[in-house]
Amino acid sequence: MMTTSKTAERRGQRRYPVLWSASLSAESALAPHVLTCRIQNVSISGLHVLAETRLAPDTPVTLRIDRVGVFHGRVAWSNDEGIGIAFDGNPHRIAELIRDRLSTATEDRPPEPSSL
């Protein structure tokens, strides 16, 4: 079993907790899948999708994340906790889109009670 610190070392990128709605499209050997899902955390290299369906590692996927954009990637892992997706493409573009969405999400939050 991998410990939390070993998992963080393996990832190499800071993860940001989010709860974004998305749809995931995957082509498998048996049939295409289109899943409605939630993104639990995100980094410039990938993300964790909360989904009840398992997908085989290396399955190509397309993610349409509400108010963020469309991303292509591959399944890194899949288990009872969800699906890990590794992004394909330019990490700088991915970082820019994620940063923009995270800053918008912060602006959308109601003010803290202490600031009222």
PDB file of N, CA and C in Angstrom:
ATOM      1  N   MET A   1       0.836  -1.180   0.000  1.00  0.00           N
ATOM      2  CA  MET A   1       0.000   0.000   0.000  1.00  0.00           C
ATOM      3  C   MET A   1       0.884   1.247   0.000  1.00  0.00           C
ATOM      4  N   MET A   2       0.534   2.231  -0.808  1.00  0.00           N
ATOM      5  CA  MET A   2       1.329   3.436  -0.920  1.00  0.00           C
ATOM      6  C   MET A   2       0.876   4.461   0.116  1.00  0.00           C
ATOM      7  N   THR A   3       1.827   5.067   0.804  1.00  0.00           N
ATOM      8  CA  THR A   3       1.471   6.080   1.796  1.00  0.00           C
ATOM      9  C   THR A   3       1.180   7.401   1.114  1.00  0.00           C
ATOM     10  N   THR A   4       0.581   8.322   1.863  1.00  0.00           N
ATOM     11  CA  THR A   4       0.243   9.624   1.312  1.00  0.00           C
ATOM     12  C   THR A   4       1.481  10.364   0.837  1.00  0.00           C
ATOM     13  N   SER A   5       2.567  10.336   1.602  1.00  0.00           N
ATOM     14  CA  SER A   5       3.773  11.045   1.195  1.00  0.00           C
ATOM     15  C   SER A   5       4.377  10.429  -0.059  1.00  0.00           C
ATOM     16  N   LYS A   6       4.332   9.109  -0.188  1.00  0.00           N
ATOM     17  CA  LYS A   6       4.840   8.472  -1.399  1.00  0.00           C
ATOM     18  C   LYS A   6       3.955   8.812  -2.594  1.00  0.00           C
ATOM     19  N   THR A   7       2.654   8.894  -2.383  1.00  0.00           N
ATOM     20  CA  THR A   7       1.750   9.281  -3.461  1.00  0.00           C
ATOM     21  C   THR A   7       2.069  10.692  -3.918  1.00  0.00           C
ATOM     22  N   ALA A   8       2.268  11.615  -2.987  1.00  0.00           N
ATOM     23  CA  ALA A   8       2.598  12.998  -3.334  1.00  0.00           C
ATOM     24  C   ALA A   8       3.922  13.064  -4.088  1.00  0.00           C
ATOM     25  N   GLU A   9       4.926  12.268  -3.655  1.00  0.00           N
ATOM     26  CA  GLU A   9       6.209  12.241  -4.350  1.00  0.00           C
ATOM     27  C   GLU A   9       6.029  11.757  -5.779  1.00  0.00           C
ATOM     28  N   ARG A  10       5.210  10.744  -5.969  1.00  0.00           N
ATOM     29  CA  ARG A  10       5.005  10.166  -7.289  1.00  0.00           C
ATOM     30  C   ARG A  10       4.320  11.167  -8.213  1.00  0.00           C
ATOM     31  N   ARG A  11       3.362  11.921  -7.700  1.00  0.00           N
ATOM     32  CA  ARG A  11       2.622  12.868  -8.523  1.00  0.00           C
ATOM     33  C   ARG A  11       3.507  14.007  -8.988  1.00  0.00           C
ATOM     34  N   GLY A  12       4.283  14.580  -8.101  1.00  0.00           N
ATOM     35  CA  GLY A  12       5.196  15.639  -8.483  1.00  0.00           C
ATOM     36  C   GLY A  12       4.554  16.996  -8.726  1.00  0.00           C
ATOM     37  N   GLN A  13       3.257  17.094  -8.745  1.00  0.00           N
ATOM     38  CA  GLN A  13       2.561  18.356  -8.994  1.00  0.00           C
ATOM     39  C   GLN A  13       1.593  18.634  -7.855  1.00  0.00           C
ATOM     40  N   ARG A  14       1.440  19.899  -7.519  1.00  0.00           N
ATOM     41  CA  ARG A  14       0.477  20.273  -6.480  1.00  0.00           C
ATOM     42  C   ARG A  14      -0.939  20.024  -6.979  1.00  0.00           C
ATOM     43  N   ARG A  15      -1.751  19.413  -6.138  1.00  0.00           N
ATOM     44  CA  ARG A  15      -3.159  19.148  -6.446  1.00  0.00           C
ATOM     45  C   ARG A  15      -4.023  20.194  -5.759  1.00  0.00           C
ATOM     46  N   TYR A  16      -5.056  20.645  -6.465  1.00  0.00           N
ATOM     47  CA  TYR A  16      -5.998  21.615  -5.925  1.00  0.00           C
ATOM     48  C   TYR A  16      -7.354  20.944  -5.761  1.00  0.00           C
ATOM     49  N   PRO A  17      -7.913  20.951  -4.557  1.00  0.00           N
ATOM     50  CA  PRO A  17      -9.238  20.354  -4.368  1.00  0.00           C
ATOM     51  C   PRO A  17     -10.298  21.210  -5.050  1.00  0.00           C
ATOM     52  N   VAL A  18     -11.158  20.570  -5.812  1.00  0.00           N
ATOM     53  CA  VAL A  18     -12.249  21.247  -6.517  1.00  0.00           C
ATOM     54  C   VAL A  18     -13.467  20.331  -6.473  1.00  0.00           C
ATOM     55  N   LEU A  19     -14.577  20.816  -6.936  1.00  0.00           N
ATOM     56  CA  LEU A  19     -15.750  19.982  -7.146  1.00  0.00           C
ATOM     57  C   LEU A  19     -16.436  20.528  -8.390  1.00  0.00           C
ATOM     58  N   TRP A  20     -15.901  20.136  -9.557  1.00  0.00           N
ATOM     59  CA  TRP A  20     -16.375  20.626 -10.844  1.00  0.00           C
ATOM     60  C   TRP A  20     -17.184  19.543 -11.541  1.00  0.00           C
ATOM     61  N   SER A  21     -18.248  19.946 -12.208  1.00  0.00           N
ATOM     62  CA  SER A  21     -19.037  19.028 -13.040  1.00  0.00           C
ATOM     63  C   SER A  21     -18.334  18.852 -14.378  1.00  0.00           C
ATOM     64  N   ALA A  22     -18.431  17.640 -14.919  1.00  0.00           N
ATOM     65  CA  ALA A  22     -17.778  17.358 -16.195  1.00  0.00           C
ATOM     66  C   ALA A  22     -18.458  16.184 -16.875  1.00  0.00           C
ATOM     67  N   SER A  23     -18.152  16.026 -18.154  1.00  0.00           N
ATOM     68  CA  SER A  23     -18.512  14.793 -18.850  1.00  0.00           C
ATOM     69  C   SER A  23     -17.222  14.202 -19.395  1.00  0.00           C
ATOM     70  N   LEU A  24     -17.138  12.898 -19.346  1.00  0.00           N
ATOM     71  CA  LEU A  24     -15.953  12.183 -19.776  1.00  0.00           C
ATOM     72  C   LEU A  24     -16.360  11.241 -20.896  1.00  0.00           C
ATOM     73  N   SER A  25     -15.692  11.348 -22.033  1.00  0.00           N
ATOM     74  CA  SER A  25     -15.932  10.452 -23.168  1.00  0.00           C
ATOM     75  C   SER A  25     -14.712   9.563 -23.330  1.00  0.00           C
ATOM     76  N   ALA A  26     -14.951   8.263 -23.475  1.00  0.00           N
ATOM     77  CA  ALA A  26     -13.856   7.308 -23.626  1.00  0.00           C
ATOM     78  C   ALA A  26     -14.226   6.276 -24.674  1.00  0.00           C
ATOM     79  N   GLU A  27     -13.268   5.932 -25.503  1.00  0.00           N
ATOM     80  CA  GLU A  27     -13.442   4.856 -26.478  1.00  0.00           C
ATOM     81  C   GLU A  27     -12.757   3.621 -25.920  1.00  0.00           C
ATOM     82  N   SER A  28     -13.525   2.587 -25.659  1.00  0.00           N
ATOM     83  CA  SER A  28     -12.928   1.340 -25.181  1.00  0.00           C
ATOM     84  C   SER A  28     -13.078   0.279 -26.265  1.00  0.00           C
ATOM     85  N   ALA A  29     -12.461  -0.861 -26.044  1.00  0.00           N
ATOM     86  CA  ALA A  29     -12.534  -1.952 -27.016  1.00  0.00           C
ATOM     87  C   ALA A  29     -13.960  -2.467 -27.174  1.00  0.00           C
ATOM     88  N   LEU A  30     -14.764  -2.372 -26.126  1.00  0.00           N
ATOM     89  CA  LEU A  30     -16.119  -2.915 -26.170  1.00  0.00           C
ATOM     90  C   LEU A  30     -17.149  -1.909 -26.663  1.00  0.00           C
ATOM     91  N   ALA A  31     -17.082  -0.687 -26.164  1.00  0.00           N
ATOM     92  CA  ALA A  31     -18.086   0.314 -26.529  1.00  0.00           C
ATOM     93  C   ALA A  31     -17.634   1.689 -26.060  1.00  0.00           C
ATOM     94  N   PRO A  32     -18.145   2.728 -26.704  1.00  0.00           N
ATOM     95  CA  PRO A  32     -17.820   4.069 -26.214  1.00  0.00           C
ATOM     96  C   PRO A  32     -18.550   4.343 -24.895  1.00  0.00           C
ATOM     97  N   HIS A  33     -17.928   5.114 -24.038  1.00  0.00           N
ATOM     98  CA  HIS A  33     -18.530   5.506 -22.760  1.00  0.00           C
ATOM     99  C   HIS A  33     -18.662   7.019 -22.741  1.00  0.00           C
ATOM    100  N   VAL A  34     -19.780   7.518 -22.257  1.00  0.00           N
ATOM    101  CA  VAL A  34     -19.929   8.932 -21.930  1.00  0.00           C
ATOM    102  C   VAL A  34     -20.463   8.977 -20.509  1.00  0.00           C
ATOM    103  N   LEU A  35     -19.671   9.538 -19.614  1.00  0.00           N
ATOM    104  CA  LEU A  35     -20.018   9.561 -18.199  1.00  0.00           C
ATOM    105  C   LEU A  35     -20.205  10.990 -17.720  1.00  0.00           C
ATOM    106  N   THR A  36     -21.209  11.208 -16.911  1.00  0.00           N
ATOM    107  CA  THR A  36     -21.320  12.458 -16.175  1.00  0.00           C
ATOM    108  C   THR A  36     -20.562  12.234 -14.883  1.00  0.00           C
ATOM    109  N   CYS A  37     -19.680  13.162 -14.538  1.00  0.00           N
ATOM    110  CA  CYS A  37     -18.825  12.935 -13.378  1.00  0.00           C
ATOM    111  C   CYS A  37     -18.505  14.241 -12.666  1.00  0.00           C
ATOM    112  N   ARG A  38     -17.770  14.118 -11.591  1.00  0.00           N
ATOM    113  CA  ARG A  38     -17.282  15.263 -10.817  1.00  0.00           C
ATOM    114  C   ARG A  38     -15.764  15.167 -10.743  1.00  0.00           C
ATOM    115  N   ILE A  39     -15.117  16.313 -10.845  1.00  0.00           N
ATOM    116  CA  ILE A  39     -13.675  16.383 -10.678  1.00  0.00           C
ATOM    117  C   ILE A  39     -13.412  16.678  -9.202  1.00  0.00           C
ATOM    118  N   GLN A  40     -12.593  15.848  -8.548  1.00  0.00           N
ATOM    119  CA  GLN A  40     -12.312  16.021  -7.122  1.00  0.00           C
ATOM    120  C   GLN A  40     -11.067  16.862  -6.873  1.00  0.00           C
ATOM    121  N   ASN A  41     -10.030  16.663  -7.693  1.00  0.00           N
ATOM    122  CA  ASN A  41      -8.848  17.512  -7.570  1.00  0.00           C
ATOM    123  C   ASN A  41      -8.159  17.602  -8.917  1.00  0.00           C
ATOM    124  N   VAL A  42      -7.333  18.632  -9.070  1.00  0.00           N
ATOM    125  CA  VAL A  42      -6.726  18.909 -10.363  1.00  0.00           C
ATOM    126  C   VAL A  42      -5.311  19.442 -10.165  1.00  0.00           C
ATOM    127  N   SER A  43      -4.436  19.126 -11.118  1.00  0.00           N
ATOM    128  CA  SER A  43      -3.090  19.692 -11.174  1.00  0.00           C
ATOM    129  C   SER A  43      -2.794  19.964 -12.644  1.00  0.00           C
ATOM    130  N   ILE A  44      -1.617  20.505 -12.940  1.00  0.00           N
ATOM    131  CA  ILE A  44      -1.315  20.760 -14.348  1.00  0.00           C
ATOM    132  C   ILE A  44      -1.035  19.473 -15.113  1.00  0.00           C
ATOM    133  N   SER A  45      -0.822  18.356 -14.405  1.00  0.00           N
ATOM    134  CA  SER A  45      -0.532  17.102 -15.100  1.00  0.00           C
ATOM    135  C   SER A  45      -1.721  16.151 -15.182  1.00  0.00           C
ATOM    136  N   GLY A  46      -2.769  16.390 -14.364  1.00  0.00           N
ATOM    137  CA  GLY A  46      -3.904  15.480 -14.406  1.00  0.00           C
ATOM    138  C   GLY A  46      -4.947  15.813 -13.371  1.00  0.00           C
ATOM    139  N   LEU A  47      -5.889  14.893 -13.211  1.00  0.00           N
ATOM    140  CA  LEU A  47      -6.967  15.118 -12.257  1.00  0.00           C
ATOM    141  C   LEU A  47      -7.563  13.812 -11.785  1.00  0.00           C
ATOM    142  N   HIS A  48      -8.364  13.914 -10.723  1.00  0.00           N
ATOM    143  CA  HIS A  48      -9.062  12.766 -10.150  1.00  0.00           C
ATOM    144  C   HIS A  48     -10.545  12.954 -10.414  1.00  0.00           C
ATOM    145  N   VAL A  49     -11.136  11.989 -11.114  1.00  0.00           N
ATOM    146  CA  VAL A  49     -12.550  12.013 -11.469  1.00  0.00           C
ATOM    147  C   VAL A  49     -13.313  11.076 -10.537  1.00  0.00           C
ATOM    148  N   LEU A  50     -14.391  11.576  -9.954  1.00  0.00           N
ATOM    149  CA  LEU A  50     -15.290  10.723  -9.181  1.00  0.00           C
ATOM    150  C   LEU A  50     -16.288  10.115 -10.155  1.00  0.00           C
ATOM    151  N   ALA A  51     -16.221   8.813 -10.346  1.00  0.00           N
ATOM    152  CA  ALA A  51     -17.112   8.120 -11.278  1.00  0.00           C
ATOM    153  C   ALA A  51     -17.287   6.689 -10.810  1.00  0.00           C
ATOM    154  N   GLU A  52     -18.437   6.122 -11.096  1.00  0.00           N
ATOM    155  CA  GLU A  52     -18.714   4.751 -10.673  1.00  0.00           C
ATOM    156  C   GLU A  52     -18.205   3.720 -11.671  1.00  0.00           C
ATOM    157  N   THR A  53     -17.903   4.134 -12.868  1.00  0.00           N
ATOM    158  CA  THR A  53     -17.434   3.227 -13.912  1.00  0.00           C
ATOM    159  C   THR A  53     -15.914   3.164 -13.901  1.00  0.00           C
ATOM    160  N   ARG A  54     -15.377   1.983 -14.062  1.00  0.00           N
ATOM    161  CA  ARG A  54     -13.929   1.822 -14.197  1.00  0.00           C
ATOM    162  C   ARG A  54     -13.563   1.798 -15.671  1.00  0.00           C
ATOM    163  N   LEU A  55     -12.403   2.351 -15.972  1.00  0.00           N
ATOM    164  CA  LEU A  55     -11.868   2.326 -17.328  1.00  0.00           C
ATOM    165  C   LEU A  55     -10.460   1.745 -17.286  1.00  0.00           C
ATOM    166  N   ALA A  56     -10.073   1.079 -18.351  1.00  0.00           N
ATOM    167  CA  ALA A  56      -8.753   0.455 -18.408  1.00  0.00           C
ATOM    168  C   ALA A  56      -7.657   1.516 -18.499  1.00  0.00           C
ATOM    169  N   PRO A  57      -6.524   1.285 -17.833  1.00  0.00           N
ATOM    170  CA  PRO A  57      -5.392   2.203 -17.972  1.00  0.00           C
ATOM    171  C   PRO A  57      -5.015   2.386 -19.441  1.00  0.00           C
ATOM    172  N   ASP A  58      -4.571   3.584 -19.773  1.00  0.00           N
ATOM    173  CA  ASP A  58      -4.162   4.004 -21.122  1.00  0.00           C
ATOM    174  C   ASP A  58      -5.327   4.247 -22.068  1.00  0.00           C
ATOM    175  N   THR A  59      -6.579   4.141 -21.589  1.00  0.00           N
ATOM    176  CA  THR A  59      -7.731   4.460 -22.435  1.00  0.00           C
ATOM    177  C   THR A  59      -7.720   5.956 -22.732  1.00  0.00           C
ATOM    178  N   PRO A  60      -7.771   6.353 -24.019  1.00  0.00           N
ATOM    179  CA  PRO A  60      -7.853   7.783 -24.343  1.00  0.00           C
ATOM    180  C   PRO A  60      -9.208   8.344 -23.913  1.00  0.00           C
ATOM    181  N   VAL A  61      -9.201   9.553 -23.355  1.00  0.00           N
ATOM    182  CA  VAL A  61     -10.435  10.186 -22.893  1.00  0.00           C
ATOM    183  C   VAL A  61     -10.468  11.655 -23.307  1.00  0.00           C
ATOM    184  N   THR A  62     -11.680  12.180 -23.381  1.00  0.00           N
ATOM    185  CA  THR A  62     -11.912  13.609 -23.565  1.00  0.00           C
ATOM    186  C   THR A  62     -12.786  14.069 -22.412  1.00  0.00           C
ATOM    187  N   LEU A  63     -12.346  15.109 -21.720  1.00  0.00           N
ATOM    188  CA  LEU A  63     -13.098  15.679 -20.602  1.00  0.00           C
ATOM    189  C   LEU A  63     -13.638  17.042 -20.999  1.00  0.00           C
ATOM    190  N   ARG A  64     -14.912  17.245 -20.774  1.00  0.00           N
ATOM    191  CA  ARG A  64     -15.531  18.552 -20.961  1.00  0.00           C
ATOM    192  C   ARG A  64     -15.903  19.053 -19.570  1.00  0.00           C
ATOM    193  N   ILE A  65     -15.088  19.973 -19.055  1.00  0.00           N
ATOM    194  CA  ILE A  65     -15.284  20.479 -17.700  1.00  0.00           C
ATOM    195  C   ILE A  65     -16.055  21.786 -17.782  1.00  0.00           C
ATOM    196  N   ASP A  66     -17.211  21.822 -17.114  1.00  0.00           N
ATOM    197  CA  ASP A  66     -18.069  23.005 -17.131  1.00  0.00           C
ATOM    198  C   ASP A  66     -17.281  24.257 -16.760  1.00  0.00           C
ATOM    199  N   ARG A  67     -17.424  25.291 -17.551  1.00  0.00           N
ATOM    200  CA  ARG A  67     -16.818  26.611 -17.343  1.00  0.00           C
ATOM    201  C   ARG A  67     -15.292  26.598 -17.302  1.00  0.00           C
ATOM    202  N   VAL A  68     -14.670  25.503 -17.756  1.00  0.00           N
ATOM    203  CA  VAL A  68     -13.211  25.445 -17.807  1.00  0.00           C
ATOM    204  C   VAL A  68     -12.746  25.180 -19.229  1.00  0.00           C
ATOM    205  N   GLY A  69     -13.212  24.079 -19.835  1.00  0.00           N
ATOM    206  CA  GLY A  69     -12.798  23.774 -21.194  1.00  0.00           C
ATOM    207  C   GLY A  69     -12.778  22.286 -21.474  1.00  0.00           C
ATOM    208  N   VAL A  70     -12.213  21.958 -22.628  1.00  0.00           N
ATOM    209  CA  VAL A  70     -12.113  20.575 -23.094  1.00  0.00           C
ATOM    210  C   VAL A  70     -10.652  20.145 -22.998  1.00  0.00           C
ATOM    211  N   PHE A  71     -10.442  18.966 -22.442  1.00  0.00           N
ATOM    212  CA  PHE A  71      -9.099  18.433 -22.248  1.00  0.00           C
ATOM    213  C   PHE A  71      -9.039  16.997 -22.746  1.00  0.00           C
ATOM    214  N   HIS A  72      -7.886  16.627 -23.280  1.00  0.00           N
ATOM    215  CA  HIS A  72      -7.656  15.258 -23.734  1.00  0.00           C
ATOM    216  C   HIS A  72      -6.609  14.632 -22.818  1.00  0.00           C
ATOM    217  N   GLY A  73      -6.759  13.341 -22.591  1.00  0.00           N
ATOM    218  CA  GLY A  73      -5.806  12.651 -21.740  1.00  0.00           C
ATOM    219  C   GLY A  73      -5.961  11.151 -21.843  1.00  0.00           C
ATOM    220  N   ARG A  74      -5.349  10.470 -20.892  1.00  0.00           N
ATOM    221  CA  ARG A  74      -5.400   9.009 -20.827  1.00  0.00           C
ATOM    222  C   ARG A  74      -5.641   8.589 -19.384  1.00  0.00           C
ATOM    223  N   VAL A  75      -6.303   7.461 -19.234  1.00  0.00           N
ATOM    224  CA  VAL A  75      -6.540   6.915 -17.899  1.00  0.00           C
ATOM    225  C   VAL A  75      -5.200   6.455 -17.322  1.00  0.00           C
ATOM    226  N   ALA A  76      -4.843   7.000 -16.171  1.00  0.00           N
ATOM    227  CA  ALA A  76      -3.622   6.586 -15.477  1.00  0.00           C
ATOM    228  C   ALA A  76      -3.920   5.425 -14.536  1.00  0.00           C
ATOM    229  N   TRP A  77      -5.081   5.484 -13.885  1.00  0.00           N
ATOM    230  CA  TRP A  77      -5.527   4.425 -12.974  1.00  0.00           C
ATOM    231  C   TRP A  77      -7.035   4.516 -12.832  1.00  0.00           C
ATOM    232  N   SER A  78      -7.627   3.432 -12.360  1.00  0.00           N
ATOM    233  CA  SER A  78      -9.077   3.382 -12.161  1.00  0.00           C
ATOM    234  C   SER A  78      -9.363   2.368 -11.058  1.00  0.00           C
ATOM    235  N   ASN A  79     -10.149   2.794 -10.047  1.00  0.00           N
ATOM    236  CA  ASN A  79     -10.504   1.890  -8.955  1.00  0.00           C
ATOM    237  C   ASN A  79     -11.817   2.349  -8.325  1.00  0.00           C
ATOM    238  N   ASP A  80     -12.136   1.815  -7.154  1.00  0.00           N
ATOM    239  CA  ASP A  80     -13.391   2.169  -6.482  1.00  0.00           C
ATOM    240  C   ASP A  80     -13.462   3.642  -6.089  1.00  0.00           C
ATOM    241  N   GLU A  81     -12.326   4.322  -6.010  1.00  0.00           N
ATOM    242  CA  GLU A  81     -12.292   5.736  -5.624  1.00  0.00           C
ATOM    243  C   GLU A  81     -12.438   6.669  -6.817  1.00  0.00           C
ATOM    244  N   GLY A  82     -12.455   6.139  -8.026  1.00  0.00           N
ATOM    245  CA  GLY A  82     -12.612   6.979  -9.207  1.00  0.00           C
ATOM    246  C   GLY A  82     -11.594   6.651 -10.276  1.00  0.00           C
ATOM    247  N   ILE A  83     -11.297   7.670 -11.083  1.00  0.00           N
ATOM    248  CA  ILE A  83     -10.405   7.506 -12.226  1.00  0.00           C
ATOM    249  C   ILE A  83      -9.362   8.614 -12.190  1.00  0.00           C
ATOM    250  N   GLY A  84      -8.108   8.240 -12.350  1.00  0.00           N
ATOM    251  CA  GLY A  84      -7.030   9.216 -12.485  1.00  0.00           C
ATOM    252  C   GLY A  84      -6.763   9.447 -13.957  1.00  0.00           C
ATOM    253  N   ILE A  85      -6.774  10.704 -14.368  1.00  0.00           N
ATOM    254  CA  ILE A  85      -6.541  11.064 -15.765  1.00  0.00           C
ATOM    255  C   ILE A  85      -5.245  11.857 -15.863  1.00  0.00           C
ATOM    256  N   ALA A  86      -4.357  11.451 -16.767  1.00  0.00           N
ATOM    257  CA  ALA A  86      -3.150  12.215 -17.080  1.00  0.00           C
ATOM    258  C   ALA A  86      -3.435  13.016 -18.347  1.00  0.00           C
ATOM    259  N   PHE A  87      -3.238  14.333 -18.284  1.00  0.00           N
ATOM    260  CA  PHE A  87      -3.511  15.187 -19.435  1.00  0.00           C
ATOM    261  C   PHE A  87      -2.519  14.944 -20.562  1.00  0.00           C
ATOM    262  N   ASP A  88      -3.007  15.031 -21.800  1.00  0.00           N
ATOM    263  CA  ASP A  88      -2.162  15.151 -22.980  1.00  0.00           C
ATOM    264  C   ASP A  88      -2.081  16.648 -23.260  1.00  0.00           C
ATOM    265  N   GLY A  89      -1.085  17.074 -23.959  1.00  0.00           N
ATOM    266  CA  GLY A  89      -1.069  18.468 -24.390  1.00  0.00           C
ATOM    267  C   GLY A  89      -0.157  19.358 -23.583  1.00  0.00           C
ATOM    268  N   ASN A  90      -0.263  20.636 -23.887  1.00  0.00           N
ATOM    269  CA  ASN A  90       0.606  21.667 -23.354  1.00  0.00           C
ATOM    270  C   ASN A  90       0.284  21.964 -21.886  1.00  0.00           C
ATOM    271  N   PRO A  91       1.206  21.676 -20.968  1.00  0.00           N
ATOM    272  CA  PRO A  91       0.922  21.932 -19.552  1.00  0.00           C
ATOM    273  C   PRO A  91       0.752  23.417 -19.234  1.00  0.00           C
ATOM    274  N   HIS A  92       1.360  24.306 -20.028  1.00  0.00           N
ATOM    275  CA  HIS A  92       1.205  25.745 -19.784  1.00  0.00           C
ATOM    276  C   HIS A  92      -0.221  26.197 -20.079  1.00  0.00           C
ATOM    277  N   ARG A  93      -0.827  25.679 -21.150  1.00  0.00           N
ATOM    278  CA  ARG A  93      -2.221  26.005 -21.469  1.00  0.00           C
ATOM    279  C   ARG A  93      -3.140  25.454 -20.382  1.00  0.00           C
ATOM    280  N   ILE A  94      -2.874  24.235 -19.965  1.00  0.00           N
ATOM    281  CA  ILE A  94      -3.680  23.609 -18.915  1.00  0.00           C
ATOM    282  C   ILE A  94      -3.576  24.421 -17.625  1.00  0.00           C
ATOM    283  N   ALA A  95      -2.358  24.810 -17.253  1.00  0.00           N
ATOM    284  CA  ALA A  95      -2.160  25.602 -16.036  1.00  0.00           C
ATOM    285  C   ALA A  95      -2.909  26.925 -16.121  1.00  0.00           C
ATOM    286  N   GLU A  96      -2.879  27.565 -17.279  1.00  0.00           N
ATOM    287  CA  GLU A  96      -3.574  28.848 -17.451  1.00  0.00           C
ATOM    288  C   GLU A  96      -5.086  28.690 -17.288  1.00  0.00           C
ATOM    289  N   LEU A  97      -5.665  27.684 -17.921  1.00  0.00           N
ATOM    290  CA  LEU A  97      -7.107  27.457 -17.808  1.00  0.00           C
ATOM    291  C   LEU A  97      -7.514  27.132 -16.372  1.00  0.00           C
ATOM    292  N   ILE A  98      -6.731  26.301 -15.722  1.00  0.00           N
ATOM    293  CA  ILE A  98      -7.044  25.921 -14.345  1.00  0.00           C
ATOM    294  C   ILE A  98      -6.900  27.126 -13.415  1.00  0.00           C
ATOM    295  N   ARG A  99      -5.824  27.890 -13.576  1.00  0.00           N
ATOM    296  CA  ARG A  99      -5.617  29.074 -12.740  1.00  0.00           C
ATOM    297  C   ARG A  99      -6.771  30.056 -12.904  1.00  0.00           C
ATOM    298  N   ASP A 100      -7.194  30.287 -14.157  1.00  0.00           N
ATOM    299  CA  ASP A 100      -8.307  31.198 -14.414  1.00  0.00           C
ATOM    300  C   ASP A 100      -9.576  30.712 -13.728  1.00  0.00           C
ATOM    301  N   ARG A 101      -9.852  29.418 -13.796  1.00  0.00           N
ATOM    302  CA  ARG A 101     -11.068  28.880 -13.178  1.00  0.00           C
ATOM    303  C   ARG A 101     -10.983  28.924 -11.654  1.00  0.00           C
ATOM    304  N   LEU A 102      -9.814  28.619 -11.103  1.00  0.00           N
ATOM    305  CA  LEU A 102      -9.663  28.673  -9.652  1.00  0.00           C
ATOM    306  C   LEU A 102      -9.833  30.097  -9.138  1.00  0.00           C
ATOM    307  N   SER A 103      -9.300  31.082  -9.862  1.00  0.00           N
ATOM    308  CA  SER A 103      -9.456  32.469  -9.409  1.00  0.00           C
ATOM    309  C   SER A 103     -10.901  32.921  -9.556  1.00  0.00           C
ATOM    310  N   THR A 104     -11.604  32.475 -10.596  1.00  0.00           N
ATOM    311  CA  THR A 104     -13.021  32.799 -10.760  1.00  0.00           C
ATOM    312  C   THR A 104     -13.835  32.163  -9.645  1.00  0.00           C
ATOM    313  N   ALA A 105     -13.513  30.930  -9.291  1.00  0.00           N
ATOM    314  CA  ALA A 105     -14.240  30.243  -8.218  1.00  0.00           C
ATOM    315  C   ALA A 105     -14.068  30.984  -6.897  1.00  0.00           C
ATOM    316  N   THR A 106     -12.885  31.514  -6.651  1.00  0.00           N
ATOM    317  CA  THR A 106     -12.644  32.274  -5.430  1.00  0.00           C
ATOM    318  C   THR A 106     -13.477  33.546  -5.421  1.00  0.00           C
ATOM    319  N   GLU A 107     -13.578  34.215  -6.582  1.00  0.00           N
ATOM    320  CA  GLU A 107     -14.369  35.438  -6.685  1.00  0.00           C
ATOM    321  C   GLU A 107     -15.853  35.161  -6.517  1.00  0.00           C
ATOM    322  N   ASP A 108     -16.314  33.960  -6.915  1.00  0.00           N
ATOM    323  CA  ASP A 108     -17.727  33.600  -6.837  1.00  0.00           C
ATOM    324  C   ASP A 108     -18.177  33.266  -5.418  1.00  0.00           C
ATOM    325  N   ARG A 109     -17.251  33.053  -4.507  1.00  0.00           N
ATOM    326  CA  ARG A 109     -17.604  32.664  -3.146  1.00  0.00           C
ATOM    327  C   ARG A 109     -18.219  33.843  -2.399  1.00  0.00           C
ATOM    328  N   PRO A 110     -19.149  33.562  -1.499  1.00  0.00           N
ATOM    329  CA  PRO A 110     -19.686  34.649  -0.670  1.00  0.00           C
ATOM    330  C   PRO A 110     -18.610  35.143   0.286  1.00  0.00           C
ATOM    331  N   PRO A 111     -18.728  36.385   0.754  1.00  0.00           N
ATOM    332  CA  PRO A 111     -17.714  36.907   1.673  1.00  0.00           C
ATOM    333  C   PRO A 111     -17.711  36.136   2.988  1.00  0.00           C
ATOM    334  N   GLU A 112     -16.548  36.085   3.594  1.00  0.00           N
ATOM    335  CA  GLU A 112     -16.415  35.456   4.908  1.00  0.00           C
ATOM    336  C   GLU A 112     -17.199  36.278   5.928  1.00  0.00           C
ATOM    337  N   PRO A 113     -17.789  35.636   6.938  1.00  0.00           N
ATOM    338  CA  PRO A 113     -18.560  36.375   7.952  1.00  0.00           C
ATOM    339  C   PRO A 113     -17.762  37.495   8.616  1.00  0.00           C
ATOM    340  N   SER A 114     -16.461  37.306   8.810  1.00  0.00           N
ATOM    341  CA  SER A 114     -15.646  38.322   9.471  1.00  0.00           C
ATOM    342  C   SER A 114     -15.481  39.581   8.628  1.00  0.00           C
ATOM    343  N   SER A 115     -15.710  39.477   7.295  1.00  0.00           N
ATOM    344  CA  SER A 115     -15.536  40.640   6.427  1.00  0.00           C
ATOM    345  C   SER A 115     -16.832  41.401   6.201  1.00  0.00           C
ATOM    346  N   LEU A 116     -17.933  40.971   6.813  1.00  0.00           N
ATOM    347  CA  LEU A 116     -19.224  41.651   6.640  1.00  0.00           C
ATOM    348  C   LEU A 116     -19.374  42.825   7.565  1.00  0.00           C
TER     349      LEU A 116
END
